[in-house]
Amino acid sequence: MDTTVWLVVAAVAALIMLALAAVLLVRVFKARKLLVDAGIPLRNKALVWAAVVYTVSPVDLLPDP
């Protein structure tokens, strides 16, 4: 395949990933609203946000063996 086709494929893949990231961002904000409103203990709320930060963080806190 030539360069133009690869650029189109890369652009489509980037748009799909951007759309998925937007959907996930909306879901995170909805989850935040539920966590703030619900009577959930602070420890559980902290664990949820720690998991979100660990997932998004570019730093590998627990290196693979």
PDB file of N, CA and C in Angstrom:
ATOM      1  N   MET A   1       0.843  -1.176   0.000  1.00  0.00           N
ATOM      2  CA  MET A   1       0.000   0.000   0.000  1.00  0.00           C
ATOM      3  C   MET A   1       0.890   1.241   0.000  1.00  0.00           C
ATOM      4  N   ASP A   2       0.363   2.279  -0.578  1.00  0.00           N
ATOM      5  CA  ASP A   2       1.164   3.501  -0.615  1.00  0.00           C
ATOM      6  C   ASP A   2       0.907   4.359   0.626  1.00  0.00           C
ATOM      7  N   THR A   3       1.623   5.443   0.717  1.00  0.00           N
ATOM      8  CA  THR A   3       1.597   6.297   1.902  1.00  0.00           C
ATOM      9  C   THR A   3       0.232   6.910   2.160  1.00  0.00           C
ATOM     10  N   THR A   4      -0.490   7.271   1.122  1.00  0.00           N
ATOM     11  CA  THR A   4      -1.798   7.904   1.286  1.00  0.00           C
ATOM     12  C   THR A   4      -2.780   6.971   1.990  1.00  0.00           C
ATOM     13  N   VAL A   5      -2.759   5.718   1.610  1.00  0.00           N
ATOM     14  CA  VAL A   5      -3.666   4.748   2.230  1.00  0.00           C
ATOM     15  C   VAL A   5      -3.328   4.592   3.711  1.00  0.00           C
ATOM     16  N   TRP A   6      -2.042   4.518   4.027  1.00  0.00           N
ATOM     17  CA  TRP A   6      -1.642   4.386   5.419  1.00  0.00           C
ATOM     18  C   TRP A   6      -2.039   5.607   6.235  1.00  0.00           C
ATOM     19  N   LEU A   7      -1.932   6.786   5.649  1.00  0.00           N
ATOM     20  CA  LEU A   7      -2.344   8.001   6.347  1.00  0.00           C
ATOM     21  C   LEU A   7      -3.843   8.009   6.618  1.00  0.00           C
ATOM     22  N   VAL A   8      -4.625   7.556   5.659  1.00  0.00           N
ATOM     23  CA  VAL A   8      -6.075   7.488   5.842  1.00  0.00           C
ATOM     24  C   VAL A   8      -6.422   6.477   6.934  1.00  0.00           C
ATOM     25  N   VAL A   9      -5.767   5.324   6.902  1.00  0.00           N
ATOM     26  CA  VAL A   9      -6.016   4.299   7.923  1.00  0.00           C
ATOM     27  C   VAL A   9      -5.636   4.828   9.307  1.00  0.00           C
ATOM     28  N   ALA A  10      -4.513   5.511   9.407  1.00  0.00           N
ATOM     29  CA  ALA A  10      -4.080   6.077  10.687  1.00  0.00           C
ATOM     30  C   ALA A  10      -5.053   7.149  11.166  1.00  0.00           C
ATOM     31  N   ALA A  11      -5.556   7.979  10.258  1.00  0.00           N
ATOM     32  CA  ALA A  11      -6.505   9.028  10.636  1.00  0.00           C
ATOM     33  C   ALA A  11      -7.809   8.421  11.140  1.00  0.00           C
ATOM     34  N   VAL A  12      -8.286   7.391  10.470  1.00  0.00           N
ATOM     35  CA  VAL A  12      -9.521   6.725  10.897  1.00  0.00           C
ATOM     36  C   VAL A  12      -9.321   6.077  12.264  1.00  0.00           C
ATOM     37  N   ALA A  13      -8.176   5.424  12.458  1.00  0.00           N
ATOM     38  CA  ALA A  13      -7.894   4.797  13.752  1.00  0.00           C
ATOM     39  C   ALA A  13      -7.819   5.850  14.856  1.00  0.00           C
ATOM     40  N   ALA A  14      -7.204   6.989  14.564  1.00  0.00           N
ATOM     41  CA  ALA A  14      -7.111   8.062  15.558  1.00  0.00           C
ATOM     42  C   ALA A  14      -8.490   8.612  15.903  1.00  0.00           C
ATOM     43  N   LEU A  15      -9.353   8.764  14.915  1.00  0.00           N
ATOM     44  CA  LEU A  15     -10.709   9.255  15.176  1.00  0.00           C
ATOM     45  C   LEU A  15     -11.514   8.266  16.015  1.00  0.00           C
ATOM     46  N   ILE A  16     -11.347   6.993  15.737  1.00  0.00           N
ATOM     47  CA  ILE A  16     -12.050   5.969  16.519  1.00  0.00           C
ATOM     48  C   ILE A  16     -11.572   5.994  17.966  1.00  0.00           C
ATOM     49  N   MET A  17     -10.254   6.091  18.169  1.00  0.00           N
ATOM     50  CA  MET A  17      -9.726   6.154  19.534  1.00  0.00           C
ATOM     51  C   MET A  17     -10.181   7.418  20.250  1.00  0.00           C
ATOM     52  N   LEU A  18     -10.257   8.524  19.530  1.00  0.00           N
ATOM     53  CA  LEU A  18     -10.731   9.772  20.129  1.00  0.00           C
ATOM     54  C   LEU A  18     -12.192   9.650  20.555  1.00  0.00           C
ATOM     55  N   ALA A  19     -13.003   9.020  19.719  1.00  0.00           N
ATOM     56  CA  ALA A  19     -14.411   8.823  20.060  1.00  0.00           C
ATOM     57  C   ALA A  19     -14.551   7.918  21.285  1.00  0.00           C
ATOM     58  N   LEU A  20     -13.769   6.854  21.331  1.00  0.00           N
ATOM     59  CA  LEU A  20     -13.821   5.961  22.491  1.00  0.00           C
ATOM     60  C   LEU A  20     -13.348   6.664  23.759  1.00  0.00           C
ATOM     61  N   ALA A  21     -12.331   7.490  23.646  1.00  0.00           N
ATOM     62  CA  ALA A  21     -11.853   8.245  24.806  1.00  0.00           C
ATOM     63  C   ALA A  21     -12.922   9.214  25.298  1.00  0.00           C
ATOM     64  N   ALA A  22     -13.651   9.839  24.378  1.00  0.00           N
ATOM     65  CA  ALA A  22     -14.720  10.760  24.764  1.00  0.00           C
ATOM     66  C   ALA A  22     -15.836  10.012  25.494  1.00  0.00           C
ATOM     67  N   VAL A  23     -16.186   8.840  24.995  1.00  0.00           N
ATOM     68  CA  VAL A  23     -17.224   8.033  25.648  1.00  0.00           C
ATOM     69  C   VAL A  23     -16.776   7.640  27.054  1.00  0.00           C
ATOM     70  N   LEU A  24     -15.529   7.212  27.184  1.00  0.00           N
ATOM     71  CA  LEU A  24     -15.029   6.829  28.502  1.00  0.00           C
ATOM     72  C   LEU A  24     -14.968   8.020  29.450  1.00  0.00           C
ATOM     73  N   LEU A  25     -14.616   9.186  28.934  1.00  0.00           N
ATOM     74  CA  LEU A  25     -14.575  10.382  29.770  1.00  0.00           C
ATOM     75  C   LEU A  25     -15.962  10.723  30.301  1.00  0.00           C
ATOM     76  N   VAL A  26     -16.970  10.606  29.462  1.00  0.00           N
ATOM     77  CA  VAL A  26     -18.343  10.857  29.901  1.00  0.00           C
ATOM     78  C   VAL A  26     -18.735   9.852  30.983  1.00  0.00           C
ATOM     79  N   ARG A  27     -18.348   8.601  30.801  1.00  0.00           N
ATOM     80  CA  ARG A  27     -18.682   7.582  31.793  1.00  0.00           C
ATOM     81  C   ARG A  27     -17.981   7.835  33.125  1.00  0.00           C
ATOM     82  N   VAL A  28     -16.742   8.330  33.068  1.00  0.00           N
ATOM     83  CA  VAL A  28     -16.018   8.644  34.303  1.00  0.00           C
ATOM     84  C   VAL A  28     -16.708   9.780  35.044  1.00  0.00           C
ATOM     85  N   PHE A  29     -17.153  10.806  34.313  1.00  0.00           N
ATOM     86  CA  PHE A  29     -17.838  11.913  34.975  1.00  0.00           C
ATOM     87  C   PHE A  29     -19.176  11.472  35.559  1.00  0.00           C
ATOM     88  N   LYS A  30     -19.876  10.569  34.888  1.00  0.00           N
ATOM     89  CA  LYS A  30     -21.118  10.041  35.452  1.00  0.00           C
ATOM     90  C   LYS A  30     -20.832   9.228  36.708  1.00  0.00           C
ATOM     91  N   ALA A  31     -19.764   8.437  36.676  1.00  0.00           N
ATOM     92  CA  ALA A  31     -19.395   7.653  37.853  1.00  0.00           C
ATOM     93  C   ALA A  31     -19.007   8.575  39.001  1.00  0.00           C
ATOM     94  N   ARG A  32     -18.334   9.675  38.679  1.00  0.00           N
ATOM     95  CA  ARG A  32     -17.960  10.647  39.712  1.00  0.00           C
ATOM     96  C   ARG A  32     -19.204  11.227  40.368  1.00  0.00           C
ATOM     97  N   LYS A  33     -20.185  11.557  39.544  1.00  0.00           N
ATOM     98  CA  LYS A  33     -21.423  12.118  40.086  1.00  0.00           C
ATOM     99  C   LYS A  33     -22.102  11.108  41.017  1.00  0.00           C
ATOM    100  N   LEU A  34     -22.108   9.836  40.624  1.00  0.00           N
ATOM    101  CA  LEU A  34     -22.709   8.806  41.466  1.00  0.00           C
ATOM    102  C   LEU A  34     -21.931   8.628  42.765  1.00  0.00           C
ATOM    103  N   LEU A  35     -20.600   8.684  42.683  1.00  0.00           N
ATOM    104  CA  LEU A  35     -19.790   8.519  43.887  1.00  0.00           C
ATOM    105  C   LEU A  35     -19.980   9.671  44.860  1.00  0.00           C
ATOM    106  N   VAL A  36     -20.129  10.876  44.330  1.00  0.00           N
ATOM    107  CA  VAL A  36     -20.305  12.039  45.196  1.00  0.00           C
ATOM    108  C   VAL A  36     -21.676  12.003  45.860  1.00  0.00           C
ATOM    109  N   ASP A  37     -22.701  11.620  45.119  1.00  0.00           N
ATOM    110  CA  ASP A  37     -24.064  11.652  45.637  1.00  0.00           C
ATOM    111  C   ASP A  37     -24.387  10.479  46.560  1.00  0.00           C
ATOM    112  N   ALA A  38     -23.808   9.327  46.301  1.00  0.00           N
ATOM    113  CA  ALA A  38     -24.178   8.126  47.048  1.00  0.00           C
ATOM    114  C   ALA A  38     -23.546   8.125  48.438  1.00  0.00           C
ATOM    115  N   GLY A  39     -24.078   7.296  49.287  1.00  0.00           N
ATOM    116  CA  GLY A  39     -23.544   7.154  50.639  1.00  0.00           C
ATOM    117  C   GLY A  39     -22.439   6.115  50.690  1.00  0.00           C
ATOM    118  N   ILE A  40     -21.461   6.253  49.837  1.00  0.00           N
ATOM    119  CA  ILE A  40     -20.359   5.299  49.751  1.00  0.00           C
ATOM    120  C   ILE A  40     -19.234   5.764  50.678  1.00  0.00           C
ATOM    121  N   PRO A  41     -18.641   4.840  51.436  1.00  0.00           N
ATOM    122  CA  PRO A  41     -17.549   5.225  52.340  1.00  0.00           C
ATOM    123  C   PRO A  41     -16.368   5.844  51.584  1.00  0.00           C
ATOM    124  N   LEU A  42     -15.647   6.709  52.268  1.00  0.00           N
ATOM    125  CA  LEU A  42     -14.526   7.431  51.658  1.00  0.00           C
ATOM    126  C   LEU A  42     -13.447   6.484  51.146  1.00  0.00           C
ATOM    127  N   ARG A  43     -13.195   5.394  51.853  1.00  0.00           N
ATOM    128  CA  ARG A  43     -12.163   4.442  51.425  1.00  0.00           C
ATOM    129  C   ARG A  43     -12.489   3.859  50.055  1.00  0.00           C
ATOM    130  N   ASN A  44     -13.737   3.493  49.837  1.00  0.00           N
ATOM    131  CA  ASN A  44     -14.134   2.930  48.546  1.00  0.00           C
ATOM    132  C   ASN A  44     -14.036   3.966  47.433  1.00  0.00           C
ATOM    133  N   LYS A  45     -14.405   5.201  47.736  1.00  0.00           N
ATOM    134  CA  LYS A  45     -14.279   6.269  46.743  1.00  0.00           C
ATOM    135  C   LYS A  45     -12.816   6.470  46.367  1.00  0.00           C
ATOM    136  N   ALA A  46     -11.948   6.457  47.366  1.00  0.00           N
ATOM    137  CA  ALA A  46     -10.519   6.641  47.110  1.00  0.00           C
ATOM    138  C   ALA A  46      -9.965   5.501  46.262  1.00  0.00           C
ATOM    139  N   LEU A  47     -10.430   4.282  46.501  1.00  0.00           N
ATOM    140  CA  LEU A  47      -9.963   3.144  45.706  1.00  0.00           C
ATOM    141  C   LEU A  47     -10.377   3.277  44.246  1.00  0.00           C
ATOM    142  N   VAL A  48     -11.577   3.757  44.003  1.00  0.00           N
ATOM    143  CA  VAL A  48     -12.041   3.947  42.622  1.00  0.00           C
ATOM    144  C   VAL A  48     -11.171   4.978  41.920  1.00  0.00           C
ATOM    145  N   TRP A  49     -10.920   6.106  42.573  1.00  0.00           N
ATOM    146  CA  TRP A  49     -10.116   7.153  41.934  1.00  0.00           C
ATOM    147  C   TRP A  49      -8.664   6.733  41.795  1.00  0.00           C
ATOM    148  N   ALA A  50      -8.157   5.938  42.725  1.00  0.00           N
ATOM    149  CA  ALA A  50      -6.793   5.419  42.589  1.00  0.00           C
ATOM    150  C   ALA A  50      -6.695   4.495  41.378  1.00  0.00           C
ATOM    151  N   ALA A  51      -7.727   3.696  41.144  1.00  0.00           N
ATOM    152  CA  ALA A  51      -7.736   2.823  39.971  1.00  0.00           C
ATOM    153  C   ALA A  51      -7.790   3.633  38.681  1.00  0.00           C
ATOM    154  N   VAL A  52      -8.567   4.703  38.667  1.00  0.00           N
ATOM    155  CA  VAL A  52      -8.647   5.561  37.479  1.00  0.00           C
ATOM    156  C   VAL A  52      -7.296   6.212  37.212  1.00  0.00           C
ATOM    157  N   VAL A  53      -6.672   6.747  38.251  1.00  0.00           N
ATOM    158  CA  VAL A  53      -5.367   7.401  38.081  1.00  0.00           C
ATOM    159  C   VAL A  53      -4.322   6.392  37.632  1.00  0.00           C
ATOM    160  N   TYR A  54      -4.330   5.192  38.198  1.00  0.00           N
ATOM    161  CA  TYR A  54      -3.368   4.161  37.806  1.00  0.00           C
ATOM    162  C   TYR A  54      -3.562   3.767  36.344  1.00  0.00           C
ATOM    163  N   THR A  55      -4.804   3.696  35.901  1.00  0.00           N
ATOM    164  CA  THR A  55      -5.085   3.330  34.516  1.00  0.00           C
ATOM    165  C   THR A  55      -4.622   4.404  33.548  1.00  0.00           C
ATOM    166  N   VAL A  56      -4.812   5.657  33.894  1.00  0.00           N
ATOM    167  CA  VAL A  56      -4.495   6.765  32.997  1.00  0.00           C
ATOM    168  C   VAL A  56      -3.018   7.158  33.072  1.00  0.00           C
ATOM    169  N   SER A  57      -2.371   6.871  34.182  1.00  0.00           N
ATOM    170  CA  SER A  57      -0.997   7.319  34.412  1.00  0.00           C
ATOM    171  C   SER A  57      -0.024   6.714  33.401  1.00  0.00           C
ATOM    172  N   PRO A  58       0.840   7.550  32.812  1.00  0.00           N
ATOM    173  CA  PRO A  58       1.833   7.027  31.871  1.00  0.00           C
ATOM    174  C   PRO A  58       3.024   6.373  32.575  1.00  0.00           C
ATOM    175  N   VAL A  59       3.129   6.540  33.889  1.00  0.00           N
ATOM    176  CA  VAL A  59       4.245   5.980  34.648  1.00  0.00           C
ATOM    177  C   VAL A  59       3.874   4.574  35.097  1.00  0.00           C
ATOM    178  N   ASP A  60       4.790   3.628  34.892  1.00  0.00           N
ATOM    179  CA  ASP A  60       4.551   2.242  35.284  1.00  0.00           C
ATOM    180  C   ASP A  60       4.943   2.073  36.748  1.00  0.00           C
ATOM    181  N   LEU A  61       3.961   2.171  37.644  1.00  0.00           N
ATOM    182  CA  LEU A  61       4.235   2.090  39.074  1.00  0.00           C
ATOM    183  C   LEU A  61       4.599   0.676  39.517  1.00  0.00           C
ATOM    184  N   LEU A  62       4.012  -0.313  38.880  1.00  0.00           N
ATOM    185  CA  LEU A  62       4.314  -1.707  39.174  1.00  0.00           C
ATOM    186  C   LEU A  62       4.909  -2.334  37.915  1.00  0.00           C
ATOM    187  N   PRO A  63       6.241  -2.357  37.806  1.00  0.00           N
ATOM    188  CA  PRO A  63       6.858  -2.874  36.580  1.00  0.00           C
ATOM    189  C   PRO A  63       6.562  -4.357  36.379  1.00  0.00           C
ATOM    190  N   ASP A  64       6.504  -4.753  35.130  1.00  0.00           N
ATOM    191  CA  ASP A  64       6.267  -6.155  34.798  1.00  0.00           C
ATOM    192  C   ASP A  64       7.500  -6.980  35.175  1.00  0.00           C
ATOM    193  N   PRO A  65       7.279  -8.221  35.632  1.00  0.00           N
ATOM    194  CA  PRO A  65       8.430  -9.073  36.011  1.00  0.00           C
ATOM    195  C   PRO A  65       9.216  -9.524  34.801  1.00  0.00           C
TER     196      PRO A  65
END
